[in-house]
Amino acid sequence: MDTKTVPRILKYYRKLNHLSVKEVAEQFRQSKHPIAKKTIYGWESGQTQPSADNFIFLCNLYQINNLSEAIEICTQANTLVIPTDLERSLLISYRKHPEYQAAIHKLLELDSNLK
């Protein structure tokens, strides 16, 4: 993992979860491990790296369950796309109903070979 990946993951997933830096700092404070907002900005800019414990805390806070997938999303995208709540809901529903996926592909004129 290169030095740009962790900052991109942290910023992307914080925004994806609709959290401000102030709110993340508050979560750390509530966990009895206060972190300054400027420290979080440092992590997101790549000036510093969070400790393993802080990184795990952030992964839990940001609901990052699959770090490999998070890395792939953040390293392959030229621009980070943060889905809306509706888009996330649609994706979750799509994945829950594989029996409808072929019809959705046809309706949206998607290549049915895409996985």
PDB file of N, CA and C in Angstrom:
ATOM      1  N   MET A   1       0.851  -1.164   0.000  1.00  0.00           N
ATOM      2  CA  MET A   1       0.000   0.000   0.000  1.00  0.00           C
ATOM      3  C   MET A   1       0.902   1.234   0.000  1.00  0.00           C
ATOM      4  N   ASP A   2       0.684   2.128  -0.956  1.00  0.00           N
ATOM      5  CA  ASP A   2       1.523   3.318  -1.016  1.00  0.00           C
ATOM      6  C   ASP A   2       1.076   4.358   0.009  1.00  0.00           C
ATOM      7  N   THR A   3       1.874   5.374   0.167  1.00  0.00           N
ATOM      8  CA  THR A   3       1.625   6.373   1.215  1.00  0.00           C
ATOM      9  C   THR A   3       0.409   7.255   0.927  1.00  0.00           C
ATOM     10  N   LYS A   4      -0.104   7.223  -0.288  1.00  0.00           N
ATOM     11  CA  LYS A   4      -1.277   8.025  -0.618  1.00  0.00           C
ATOM     12  C   LYS A   4      -2.582   7.276  -0.376  1.00  0.00           C
ATOM     13  N   THR A   5      -2.511   5.971  -0.217  1.00  0.00           N
ATOM     14  CA  THR A   5      -3.722   5.169  -0.102  1.00  0.00           C
ATOM     15  C   THR A   5      -4.449   5.386   1.214  1.00  0.00           C
ATOM     16  N   VAL A   6      -3.743   5.331   2.334  1.00  0.00           N
ATOM     17  CA  VAL A   6      -4.391   5.480   3.643  1.00  0.00           C
ATOM     18  C   VAL A   6      -5.099   6.826   3.757  1.00  0.00           C
ATOM     19  N   PRO A   7      -4.443   7.947   3.414  1.00  0.00           N
ATOM     20  CA  PRO A   7      -5.163   9.226   3.498  1.00  0.00           C
ATOM     21  C   PRO A   7      -6.423   9.266   2.636  1.00  0.00           C
ATOM     22  N   ARG A   8      -6.346   8.707   1.438  1.00  0.00           N
ATOM     23  CA  ARG A   8      -7.518   8.698   0.550  1.00  0.00           C
ATOM     24  C   ARG A   8      -8.641   7.864   1.136  1.00  0.00           C
ATOM     25  N   ILE A   9      -8.297   6.708   1.707  1.00  0.00           N
ATOM     26  CA  ILE A   9      -9.308   5.848   2.325  1.00  0.00           C
ATOM     27  C   ILE A   9      -9.983   6.587   3.475  1.00  0.00           C
ATOM     28  N   LEU A  10      -9.173   7.199   4.337  1.00  0.00           N
ATOM     29  CA  LEU A  10      -9.726   7.866   5.510  1.00  0.00           C
ATOM     30  C   LEU A  10     -10.669   9.006   5.126  1.00  0.00           C
ATOM     31  N   LYS A  11     -10.255   9.831   4.200  1.00  0.00           N
ATOM     32  CA  LYS A  11     -11.095  10.962   3.793  1.00  0.00           C
ATOM     33  C   LYS A  11     -12.346  10.488   3.064  1.00  0.00           C
ATOM     34  N   TYR A  12     -12.174   9.533   2.163  1.00  0.00           N
ATOM     35  CA  TYR A  12     -13.304   9.018   1.384  1.00  0.00           C
ATOM     36  C   TYR A  12     -14.370   8.435   2.300  1.00  0.00           C
ATOM     37  N   TYR A  13     -13.957   7.559   3.217  1.00  0.00           N
ATOM     38  CA  TYR A  13     -14.938   6.884   4.059  1.00  0.00           C
ATOM     39  C   TYR A  13     -15.518   7.798   5.137  1.00  0.00           C
ATOM     40  N   ARG A  14     -14.775   8.800   5.564  1.00  0.00           N
ATOM     41  CA  ARG A  14     -15.360   9.781   6.487  1.00  0.00           C
ATOM     42  C   ARG A  14     -16.499  10.514   5.791  1.00  0.00           C
ATOM     43  N   LYS A  15     -16.243  10.950   4.565  1.00  0.00           N
ATOM     44  CA  LYS A  15     -17.277  11.658   3.821  1.00  0.00           C
ATOM     45  C   LYS A  15     -18.431  10.734   3.451  1.00  0.00           C
ATOM     46  N   LEU A  16     -18.116   9.505   3.112  1.00  0.00           N
ATOM     47  CA  LEU A  16     -19.143   8.528   2.777  1.00  0.00           C
ATOM     48  C   LEU A  16     -20.106   8.336   3.949  1.00  0.00           C
ATOM     49  N   ASN A  17     -19.597   8.425   5.150  1.00  0.00           N
ATOM     50  CA  ASN A  17     -20.415   8.267   6.355  1.00  0.00           C
ATOM     51  C   ASN A  17     -20.979   9.596   6.857  1.00  0.00           C
ATOM     52  N   HIS A  18     -20.828  10.643   6.051  1.00  0.00           N
ATOM     53  CA  HIS A  18     -21.382  11.964   6.364  1.00  0.00           C
ATOM     54  C   HIS A  18     -20.905  12.468   7.729  1.00  0.00           C
ATOM     55  N   LEU A  19     -19.618  12.301   7.991  1.00  0.00           N
ATOM     56  CA  LEU A  19     -19.030  12.762   9.240  1.00  0.00           C
ATOM     57  C   LEU A  19     -18.074  13.913   8.969  1.00  0.00           C
ATOM     58  N   SER A  20     -18.116  14.896   9.819  1.00  0.00           N
ATOM     59  CA  SER A  20     -17.140  15.978   9.740  1.00  0.00           C
ATOM     60  C   SER A  20     -15.912  15.575  10.556  1.00  0.00           C
ATOM     61  N   VAL A  21     -14.813  16.273  10.362  1.00  0.00           N
ATOM     62  CA  VAL A  21     -13.612  16.016  11.151  1.00  0.00           C
ATOM     63  C   VAL A  21     -13.916  16.264  12.625  1.00  0.00           C
ATOM     64  N   LYS A  22     -14.708  17.285  12.896  1.00  0.00           N
ATOM     65  CA  LYS A  22     -15.098  17.591  14.275  1.00  0.00           C
ATOM     66  C   LYS A  22     -15.854  16.412  14.894  1.00  0.00           C
ATOM     67  N   GLU A  23     -16.748  15.800  14.137  1.00  0.00           N
ATOM     68  CA  GLU A  23     -17.514  14.654  14.645  1.00  0.00           C
ATOM     69  C   GLU A  23     -16.622  13.438  14.894  1.00  0.00           C
ATOM     70  N   VAL A  24     -15.638  13.235  14.031  1.00  0.00           N
ATOM     71  CA  VAL A  24     -14.703  12.125  14.236  1.00  0.00           C
ATOM     72  C   VAL A  24     -13.886  12.371  15.497  1.00  0.00           C
ATOM     73  N   ALA A  25     -13.422  13.588  15.678  1.00  0.00           N
ATOM     74  CA  ALA A  25     -12.674  13.929  16.890  1.00  0.00           C
ATOM     75  C   ALA A  25     -13.535  13.700  18.128  1.00  0.00           C
ATOM     76  N   GLU A  26     -14.810  14.018  18.033  1.00  0.00           N
ATOM     77  CA  GLU A  26     -15.735  13.800  19.158  1.00  0.00           C
ATOM     78  C   GLU A  26     -15.890  12.309  19.461  1.00  0.00           C
ATOM     79  N   GLN A  27     -15.926  11.488  18.421  1.00  0.00           N
ATOM     80  CA  GLN A  27     -16.016  10.033  18.627  1.00  0.00           C
ATOM     81  C   GLN A  27     -14.785   9.519  19.365  1.00  0.00           C
ATOM     82  N   PHE A  28     -13.620  10.031  18.992  1.00  0.00           N
ATOM     83  CA  PHE A  28     -12.396   9.646  19.707  1.00  0.00           C
ATOM     84  C   PHE A  28     -12.478  10.100  21.168  1.00  0.00           C
ATOM     85  N   ARG A  29     -12.952  11.328  21.383  1.00  0.00           N
ATOM     86  CA  ARG A  29     -13.055  11.845  22.745  1.00  0.00           C
ATOM     87  C   ARG A  29     -13.992  10.977  23.582  1.00  0.00           C
ATOM     88  N   GLN A  30     -15.108  10.578  23.001  1.00  0.00           N
ATOM     89  CA  GLN A  30     -16.063   9.737  23.719  1.00  0.00           C
ATOM     90  C   GLN A  30     -15.498   8.359  24.037  1.00  0.00           C
ATOM     91  N   SER A  31     -14.547   7.921  23.239  1.00  0.00           N
ATOM     92  CA  SER A  31     -13.924   6.613  23.484  1.00  0.00           C
ATOM     93  C   SER A  31     -12.773   6.717  24.479  1.00  0.00           C
ATOM     94  N   LYS A  32     -12.657   7.879  25.109  1.00  0.00           N
ATOM     95  CA  LYS A  32     -11.616   8.131  26.114  1.00  0.00           C
ATOM     96  C   LYS A  32     -10.222   8.180  25.510  1.00  0.00           C
ATOM     97  N   HIS A  33     -10.153   8.519  24.222  1.00  0.00           N
ATOM     98  CA  HIS A  33      -8.871   8.643  23.539  1.00  0.00           C
ATOM     99  C   HIS A  33      -8.929   9.884  22.646  1.00  0.00           C
ATOM    100  N   PRO A  34      -8.854  11.070  23.266  1.00  0.00           N
ATOM    101  CA  PRO A  34      -9.028  12.297  22.481  1.00  0.00           C
ATOM    102  C   PRO A  34      -7.946  12.489  21.419  1.00  0.00           C
ATOM    103  N   ILE A  35      -8.404  12.910  20.263  1.00  0.00           N
ATOM    104  CA  ILE A  35      -7.532  13.212  19.122  1.00  0.00           C
ATOM    105  C   ILE A  35      -7.927  14.607  18.630  1.00  0.00           C
ATOM    106  N   ALA A  36      -6.945  15.447  18.362  1.00  0.00           N
ATOM    107  CA  ALA A  36      -7.220  16.794  17.863  1.00  0.00           C
ATOM    108  C   ALA A  36      -7.678  16.743  16.406  1.00  0.00           C
ATOM    109  N   LYS A  37      -8.500  17.715  16.021  1.00  0.00           N
ATOM    110  CA  LYS A  37      -8.965  17.788  14.633  1.00  0.00           C
ATOM    111  C   LYS A  37      -7.780  17.890  13.677  1.00  0.00           C
ATOM    112  N   LYS A  38      -6.741  18.648  14.064  1.00  0.00           N
ATOM    113  CA  LYS A  38      -5.594  18.815  13.171  1.00  0.00           C
ATOM    114  C   LYS A  38      -4.864  17.479  12.961  1.00  0.00           C
ATOM    115  N   THR A  39      -4.940  16.580  13.928  1.00  0.00           N
ATOM    116  CA  THR A  39      -4.344  15.253  13.766  1.00  0.00           C
ATOM    117  C   THR A  39      -5.087  14.479  12.682  1.00  0.00           C
ATOM    118  N   ILE A  40      -6.404  14.563  12.697  1.00  0.00           N
ATOM    119  CA  ILE A  40      -7.222  13.875  11.691  1.00  0.00           C
ATOM    120  C   ILE A  40      -6.952  14.470  10.312  1.00  0.00           C
ATOM    121  N   TYR A  41      -6.855  15.805  10.242  1.00  0.00           N
ATOM    122  CA  TYR A  41      -6.497  16.442   8.965  1.00  0.00           C
ATOM    123  C   TYR A  41      -5.120  15.959   8.498  1.00  0.00           C
ATOM    124  N   GLY A  42      -4.191  15.790   9.416  1.00  0.00           N
ATOM    125  CA  GLY A  42      -2.861  15.285   9.079  1.00  0.00           C
ATOM    126  C   GLY A  42      -2.917  13.884   8.504  1.00  0.00           C
ATOM    127  N   TRP A  43      -3.758  13.031   9.085  1.00  0.00           N
ATOM    128  CA  TRP A  43      -3.917  11.668   8.559  1.00  0.00           C
ATOM    129  C   TRP A  43      -4.496  11.699   7.150  1.00  0.00           C
ATOM    130  N   GLU A  44      -5.492  12.569   6.941  1.00  0.00           N
ATOM    131  CA  GLU A  44      -6.167  12.621   5.647  1.00  0.00           C
ATOM    132  C   GLU A  44      -5.326  13.303   4.569  1.00  0.00           C
ATOM    133  N   SER A  45      -4.363  14.102   4.976  1.00  0.00           N
ATOM    134  CA  SER A  45      -3.496  14.759   3.990  1.00  0.00           C
ATOM    135  C   SER A  45      -2.220  13.966   3.735  1.00  0.00           C
ATOM    136  N   GLY A  46      -1.974  12.949   4.550  1.00  0.00           N
ATOM    137  CA  GLY A  46      -0.775  12.142   4.383  1.00  0.00           C
ATOM    138  C   GLY A  46       0.447  12.686   5.092  1.00  0.00           C
ATOM    139  N   GLN A  47       0.276  13.733   5.877  1.00  0.00           N
ATOM    140  CA  GLN A  47       1.406  14.287   6.624  1.00  0.00           C
ATOM    141  C   GLN A  47       1.844  13.346   7.739  1.00  0.00           C
ATOM    142  N   THR A  48       0.879  12.649   8.322  1.00  0.00           N
ATOM    143  CA  THR A  48       1.169  11.654   9.361  1.00  0.00           C
ATOM    144  C   THR A  48       0.281  10.441   9.118  1.00  0.00           C
ATOM    145  N   GLN A  49       0.588   9.357   9.800  1.00  0.00           N
ATOM    146  CA  GLN A  49      -0.219   8.131   9.697  1.00  0.00           C
ATOM    147  C   GLN A  49      -0.797   7.810  11.065  1.00  0.00           C
ATOM    148  N   PRO A  50      -2.038   7.325  11.109  1.00  0.00           N
ATOM    149  CA  PRO A  50      -2.591   6.929  12.400  1.00  0.00           C
ATOM    150  C   PRO A  50      -1.898   5.672  12.913  1.00  0.00           C
ATOM    151  N   SER A  51      -1.876   5.529  14.225  1.00  0.00           N
ATOM    152  CA  SER A  51      -1.361   4.283  14.804  1.00  0.00           C
ATOM    153  C   SER A  51      -2.300   3.146  14.397  1.00  0.00           C
ATOM    154  N   ALA A  52      -1.863   1.931  14.593  1.00  0.00           N
ATOM    155  CA  ALA A  52      -2.702   0.778  14.260  1.00  0.00           C
ATOM    156  C   ALA A  52      -4.014   0.833  15.033  1.00  0.00           C
ATOM    157  N   ASP A  53      -3.946   1.172  16.319  1.00  0.00           N
ATOM    158  CA  ASP A  53      -5.166   1.255  17.131  1.00  0.00           C
ATOM    159  C   ASP A  53      -6.114   2.327  16.607  1.00  0.00           C
ATOM    160  N   ASN A  54      -5.570   3.477  16.243  1.00  0.00           N
ATOM    161  CA  ASN A  54      -6.412   4.552  15.712  1.00  0.00           C
ATOM    162  C   ASN A  54      -6.990   4.180  14.357  1.00  0.00           C
ATOM    163  N   PHE A  55      -6.209   3.486  13.537  1.00  0.00           N
ATOM    164  CA  PHE A  55      -6.696   3.061  12.227  1.00  0.00           C
ATOM    165  C   PHE A  55      -7.839   2.060  12.388  1.00  0.00           C
ATOM    166  N   ILE A  56      -7.705   1.133  13.303  1.00  0.00           N
ATOM    167  CA  ILE A  56      -8.777   0.157  13.558  1.00  0.00           C
ATOM    168  C   ILE A  56     -10.026   0.872  14.065  1.00  0.00           C
ATOM    169  N   PHE A  57      -9.843   1.845  14.969  1.00  0.00           N
ATOM    170  CA  PHE A  57     -10.978   2.620  15.462  1.00  0.00           C
ATOM    171  C   PHE A  57     -11.697   3.304  14.300  1.00  0.00           C
ATOM    172  N   LEU A  58     -10.923   3.915  13.396  1.00  0.00           N
ATOM    173  CA  LEU A  58     -11.514   4.597  12.250  1.00  0.00           C
ATOM    174  C   LEU A  58     -12.227   3.616  11.319  1.00  0.00           C
ATOM    175  N   CYS A  59     -11.628   2.465  11.095  1.00  0.00           N
ATOM    176  CA  CYS A  59     -12.271   1.453  10.245  1.00  0.00           C
ATOM    177  C   CYS A  59     -13.624   1.050  10.836  1.00  0.00           C
ATOM    178  N   ASN A  60     -13.672   0.862  12.146  1.00  0.00           N
ATOM    179  CA  ASN A  60     -14.939   0.524  12.796  1.00  0.00           C
ATOM    180  C   ASN A  60     -15.926   1.683  12.686  1.00  0.00           C
ATOM    181  N   LEU A  61     -15.459   2.899  12.943  1.00  0.00           N
ATOM    182  CA  LEU A  61     -16.315   4.073  12.869  1.00  0.00           C
ATOM    183  C   LEU A  61     -16.862   4.270  11.457  1.00  0.00           C
ATOM    184  N   TYR A  62     -16.023   4.069  10.460  1.00  0.00           N
ATOM    185  CA  TYR A  62     -16.414   4.284   9.069  1.00  0.00           C
ATOM    186  C   TYR A  62     -17.053   3.060   8.424  1.00  0.00           C
ATOM    187  N   GLN A  63     -17.215   2.002   9.205  1.00  0.00           N
ATOM    188  CA  GLN A  63     -17.835   0.767   8.718  1.00  0.00           C
ATOM    189  C   GLN A  63     -17.067   0.157   7.543  1.00  0.00           C
ATOM    190  N   ILE A  64     -15.749   0.172   7.654  1.00  0.00           N
ATOM    191  CA  ILE A  64     -14.903  -0.470   6.652  1.00  0.00           C
ATOM    192  C   ILE A  64     -14.724  -1.911   7.114  1.00  0.00           C
ATOM    193  N   ASN A  65     -15.443  -2.808   6.470  1.00  0.00           N
ATOM    194  CA  ASN A  65     -15.397  -4.215   6.852  1.00  0.00           C
ATOM    195  C   ASN A  65     -14.398  -5.019   6.035  1.00  0.00           C
ATOM    196  N   ASN A  66     -14.073  -4.504   4.871  1.00  0.00           N
ATOM    197  CA  ASN A  66     -13.165  -5.210   3.979  1.00  0.00           C
ATOM    198  C   ASN A  66     -12.101  -4.209   3.516  1.00  0.00           C
ATOM    199  N   LEU A  67     -10.955  -4.239   4.166  1.00  0.00           N
ATOM    200  CA  LEU A  67      -9.908  -3.265   3.862  1.00  0.00           C
ATOM    201  C   LEU A  67      -9.385  -3.425   2.441  1.00  0.00           C
ATOM    202  N   SER A  68      -9.289  -4.649   1.956  1.00  0.00           N
ATOM    203  CA  SER A  68      -8.823  -4.870   0.575  1.00  0.00           C
ATOM    204  C   SER A  68      -9.744  -4.187  -0.418  1.00  0.00           C
ATOM    205  N   GLU A  69     -11.037  -4.300  -0.195  1.00  0.00           N
ATOM    206  CA  GLU A  69     -12.009  -3.661  -1.080  1.00  0.00           C
ATOM    207  C   GLU A  69     -11.902  -2.134  -0.982  1.00  0.00           C
ATOM    208  N   ALA A  70     -11.719  -1.627   0.219  1.00  0.00           N
ATOM    209  CA  ALA A  70     -11.572  -0.176   0.409  1.00  0.00           C
ATOM    210  C   ALA A  70     -10.348   0.342  -0.321  1.00  0.00           C
ATOM    211  N   ILE A  71      -9.258  -0.396  -0.251  1.00  0.00           N
ATOM    212  CA  ILE A  71      -8.027  -0.006  -0.945  1.00  0.00           C
ATOM    213  C   ILE A  71      -8.255  -0.006  -2.444  1.00  0.00           C
ATOM    214  N   GLU A  72      -8.912  -1.041  -2.947  1.00  0.00           N
ATOM    215  CA  GLU A  72      -9.172  -1.144  -4.382  1.00  0.00           C
ATOM    216  C   GLU A  72     -10.029   0.021  -4.872  1.00  0.00           C
ATOM    217  N   ILE A  73     -11.061   0.356  -4.127  1.00  0.00           N
ATOM    218  CA  ILE A  73     -11.938   1.463  -4.509  1.00  0.00           C
ATOM    219  C   ILE A  73     -11.148   2.765  -4.580  1.00  0.00           C
ATOM    220  N   CYS A  74     -10.325   3.001  -3.582  1.00  0.00           N
ATOM    221  CA  CYS A  74      -9.606   4.275  -3.495  1.00  0.00           C
ATOM    222  C   CYS A  74      -8.406   4.355  -4.425  1.00  0.00           C
ATOM    223  N   THR A  75      -7.834   3.249  -4.833  1.00  0.00           N
ATOM    224  CA  THR A  75      -6.676   3.313  -5.720  1.00  0.00           C
ATOM    225  C   THR A  75      -7.075   3.268  -7.185  1.00  0.00           C
ATOM    226  N   GLN A  76      -8.216   2.705  -7.517  1.00  0.00           N
ATOM    227  CA  GLN A  76      -8.622   2.611  -8.916  1.00  0.00           C
ATOM    228  C   GLN A  76      -9.367   3.840  -9.402  1.00  0.00           C
ATOM    229  N   ALA A  77     -10.005   4.541  -8.499  1.00  0.00           N
ATOM    230  CA  ALA A  77     -10.816   5.696  -8.900  1.00  0.00           C
ATOM    231  C   ALA A  77      -9.933   6.921  -9.121  1.00  0.00           C
ATOM    232  N   ASN A  78     -10.110   7.563 -10.259  1.00  0.00           N
ATOM    233  CA  ASN A  78      -9.408   8.831 -10.502  1.00  0.00           C
ATOM    234  C   ASN A  78     -10.009   9.924  -9.639  1.00  0.00           C
ATOM    235  N   THR A  79     -11.315   9.898  -9.520  1.00  0.00           N
ATOM    236  CA  THR A  79     -12.002  10.811  -8.628  1.00  0.00           C
ATOM    237  C   THR A  79     -12.880   9.964  -7.725  1.00  0.00           C
ATOM    238  N   LEU A  80     -12.941  10.332  -6.490  1.00  0.00           N
ATOM    239  CA  LEU A  80     -13.741   9.573  -5.550  1.00  0.00           C
ATOM    240  C   LEU A  80     -15.198   9.971  -5.684  1.00  0.00           C
ATOM    241  N   VAL A  81     -16.044   8.976  -5.828  1.00  0.00           N
ATOM    242  CA  VAL A  81     -17.463   9.203  -5.952  1.00  0.00           C
ATOM    243  C   VAL A  81     -18.109   8.770  -4.648  1.00  0.00           C
ATOM    244  N   ILE A  82     -18.790   9.681  -4.025  1.00  0.00           N
ATOM    245  CA  ILE A  82     -19.474   9.364  -2.783  1.00  0.00           C
ATOM    246  C   ILE A  82     -20.949   9.200  -3.104  1.00  0.00           C
ATOM    247  N   PRO A  83     -21.452   7.961  -2.993  1.00  0.00           N
ATOM    248  CA  PRO A  83     -22.855   7.740  -3.351  1.00  0.00           C
ATOM    249  C   PRO A  83     -23.800   8.418  -2.360  1.00  0.00           C
ATOM    250  N   THR A  84     -24.954   8.781  -2.869  1.00  0.00           N
ATOM    251  CA  THR A  84     -25.989   9.335  -2.006  1.00  0.00           C
ATOM    252  C   THR A  84     -26.598   8.200  -1.194  1.00  0.00           C
ATOM    253  N   ASP A  85     -27.408   8.547  -0.213  1.00  0.00           N
ATOM    254  CA  ASP A  85     -28.095   7.522   0.577  1.00  0.00           C
ATOM    255  C   ASP A  85     -28.978   6.659  -0.317  1.00  0.00           C
ATOM    256  N   LEU A  86     -29.652   7.278  -1.278  1.00  0.00           N
ATOM    257  CA  LEU A  86     -30.504   6.530  -2.197  1.00  0.00           C
ATOM    258  C   LEU A  86     -29.670   5.552  -3.027  1.00  0.00           C
ATOM    259  N   GLU A  87     -28.530   6.004  -3.543  1.00  0.00           N
ATOM    260  CA  GLU A  87     -27.676   5.126  -4.350  1.00  0.00           C
ATOM    261  C   GLU A  87     -27.161   3.943  -3.527  1.00  0.00           C
ATOM    262  N   ARG A  88     -26.775   4.183  -2.288  1.00  0.00           N
ATOM    263  CA  ARG A  88     -26.329   3.089  -1.424  1.00  0.00           C
ATOM    264  C   ARG A  88     -27.464   2.113  -1.171  1.00  0.00           C
ATOM    265  N   SER A  89     -28.664   2.644  -0.946  1.00  0.00           N
ATOM    266  CA  SER A  89     -29.837   1.794  -0.723  1.00  0.00           C
ATOM    267  C   SER A  89     -30.135   0.938  -1.957  1.00  0.00           C
ATOM    268  N   LEU A  90     -30.040   1.555  -3.128  1.00  0.00           N
ATOM    269  CA  LEU A  90     -30.266   0.815  -4.374  1.00  0.00           C
ATOM    270  C   LEU A  90     -29.240  -0.301  -4.554  1.00  0.00           C
ATOM    271  N   LEU A  91     -27.993  -0.011  -4.275  1.00  0.00           N
ATOM    272  CA  LEU A  91     -26.943  -1.012  -4.408  1.00  0.00           C
ATOM    273  C   LEU A  91     -27.176  -2.178  -3.458  1.00  0.00           C
ATOM    274  N   ILE A  92     -27.526  -1.878  -2.233  1.00  0.00           N
ATOM    275  CA  ILE A  92     -27.789  -2.938  -1.253  1.00  0.00           C
ATOM    276  C   ILE A  92     -28.965  -3.799  -1.702  1.00  0.00           C
ATOM    277  N   SER A  93     -30.026  -3.160  -2.163  1.00  0.00           N
ATOM    278  CA  SER A  93     -31.187  -3.913  -2.653  1.00  0.00           C
ATOM    279  C   SER A  93     -30.831  -4.753  -3.874  1.00  0.00           C
ATOM    280  N   TYR A  94     -30.046  -4.179  -4.774  1.00  0.00           N
ATOM    281  CA  TYR A  94     -29.608  -4.898  -5.972  1.00  0.00           C
ATOM    282  C   TYR A  94     -28.865  -6.177  -5.586  1.00  0.00           C
ATOM    283  N   ARG A  95     -27.949  -6.059  -4.623  1.00  0.00           N
ATOM    284  CA  ARG A  95     -27.165  -7.218  -4.200  1.00  0.00           C
ATOM    285  C   ARG A  95     -28.010  -8.251  -3.474  1.00  0.00           C
ATOM    286  N   LYS A  96     -29.074  -7.827  -2.805  1.00  0.00           N
ATOM    287  CA  LYS A  96     -29.940  -8.750  -2.068  1.00  0.00           C
ATOM    288  C   LYS A  96     -30.868  -9.539  -2.986  1.00  0.00           C
ATOM    289  N   HIS A  97     -31.043  -9.057  -4.219  1.00  0.00           N
ATOM    290  CA  HIS A  97     -31.996  -9.681  -5.134  1.00  0.00           C
ATOM    291  C   HIS A  97     -31.346 -10.058  -6.458  1.00  0.00           C
ATOM    292  N   PRO A  98     -30.492 -11.083  -6.444  1.00  0.00           N
ATOM    293  CA  PRO A  98     -29.851 -11.480  -7.698  1.00  0.00           C
ATOM    294  C   PRO A  98     -30.843 -11.941  -8.762  1.00  0.00           C
ATOM    295  N   GLU A  99     -32.026 -12.345  -8.331  1.00  0.00           N
ATOM    296  CA  GLU A  99     -33.033 -12.811  -9.292  1.00  0.00           C
ATOM    297  C   GLU A  99     -33.544 -11.672 -10.181  1.00  0.00           C
ATOM    298  N   TYR A 100     -33.372 -10.425  -9.765  1.00  0.00           N
ATOM    299  CA  TYR A 100     -33.816  -9.273 -10.555  1.00  0.00           C
ATOM    300  C   TYR A 100     -32.691  -8.618 -11.345  1.00  0.00           C
ATOM    301  N   GLN A 101     -31.469  -9.034 -11.136  1.00  0.00           N
ATOM    302  CA  GLN A 101     -30.336  -8.336 -11.725  1.00  0.00           C
ATOM    303  C   GLN A 101     -30.335  -8.360 -13.248  1.00  0.00           C
ATOM    304  N   ALA A 102     -30.711  -9.470 -13.854  1.00  0.00           N
ATOM    305  CA  ALA A 102     -30.746  -9.535 -15.322  1.00  0.00           C
ATOM    306  C   ALA A 102     -31.762  -8.538 -15.874  1.00  0.00           C
ATOM    307  N   ALA A 103     -32.922  -8.437 -15.234  1.00  0.00           N
ATOM    308  CA  ALA A 103     -33.943  -7.497 -15.683  1.00  0.00           C
ATOM    309  C   ALA A 103     -33.463  -6.051 -15.518  1.00  0.00           C
ATOM    310  N   ILE A 104     -32.768  -5.772 -14.435  1.00  0.00           N
ATOM    311  CA  ILE A 104     -32.243  -4.424 -14.192  1.00  0.00           C
ATOM    312  C   ILE A 104     -31.200  -4.078 -15.246  1.00  0.00           C
ATOM    313  N   HIS A 105     -30.343  -5.041 -15.577  1.00  0.00           N
ATOM    314  CA  HIS A 105     -29.335  -4.815 -16.624  1.00  0.00           C
ATOM    315  C   HIS A 105     -30.016  -4.473 -17.945  1.00  0.00           C
ATOM    316  N   LYS A 106     -31.072  -5.230 -18.258  1.00  0.00           N
ATOM    317  CA  LYS A 106     -31.773  -4.991 -19.526  1.00  0.00           C
ATOM    318  C   LYS A 106     -32.461  -3.619 -19.504  1.00  0.00           C
ATOM    319  N   LEU A 107     -33.132  -3.302 -18.412  1.00  0.00           N
ATOM    320  CA  LEU A 107     -33.841  -2.037 -18.299  1.00  0.00           C
ATOM    321  C   LEU A 107     -32.890  -0.847 -18.438  1.00  0.00           C
ATOM    322  N   LEU A 108     -31.710  -0.953 -17.832  1.00  0.00           N
ATOM    323  CA  LEU A 108     -30.739   0.143 -17.864  1.00  0.00           C
ATOM    324  C   LEU A 108     -29.761   0.033 -19.027  1.00  0.00           C
ATOM    325  N   GLU A 109     -29.966  -0.953 -19.882  1.00  0.00           N
ATOM    326  CA  GLU A 109     -29.119  -1.186 -21.051  1.00  0.00           C
ATOM    327  C   GLU A 109     -27.654  -1.348 -20.657  1.00  0.00           C
ATOM    328  N   LEU A 110     -27.417  -2.139 -19.610  1.00  0.00           N
ATOM    329  CA  LEU A 110     -26.066  -2.448 -19.148  1.00  0.00           C
ATOM    330  C   LEU A 110     -25.588  -3.723 -19.809  1.00  0.00           C
ATOM    331  N   ASP A 111     -24.307  -3.841 -19.985  1.00  0.00           N
ATOM    332  CA  ASP A 111     -23.716  -5.064 -20.505  1.00  0.00           C
ATOM    333  C   ASP A 111     -23.947  -6.168 -19.483  1.00  0.00           C
ATOM    334  N   SER A 112     -24.659  -7.192 -19.842  1.00  0.00           N
ATOM    335  CA  SER A 112     -25.009  -8.268 -18.908  1.00  0.00           C
ATOM    336  C   SER A 112     -23.796  -9.083 -18.497  1.00  0.00           C
ATOM    337  N   ASN A 113     -22.654  -8.905 -19.170  1.00  0.00           N
ATOM    338  CA  ASN A 113     -21.435  -9.639 -18.799  1.00  0.00           C
ATOM    339  C   ASN A 113     -20.667  -8.940 -17.696  1.00  0.00           C
ATOM    340  N   LEU A 114     -21.061  -7.721 -17.354  1.00  0.00           N
ATOM    341  CA  LEU A 114     -20.377  -7.004 -16.270  1.00  0.00           C
ATOM    342  C   LEU A 114     -20.653  -7.689 -14.952  1.00  0.00           C
ATOM    343  N   LYS A 115     -19.647  -7.753 -14.139  1.00  0.00           N
ATOM    344  CA  LYS A 115     -19.806  -8.376 -12.813  1.00  0.00           C
ATOM    345  C   LYS A 115     -19.470  -7.375 -11.756  1.00  0.00           C
TER     346      LYS A 115
END
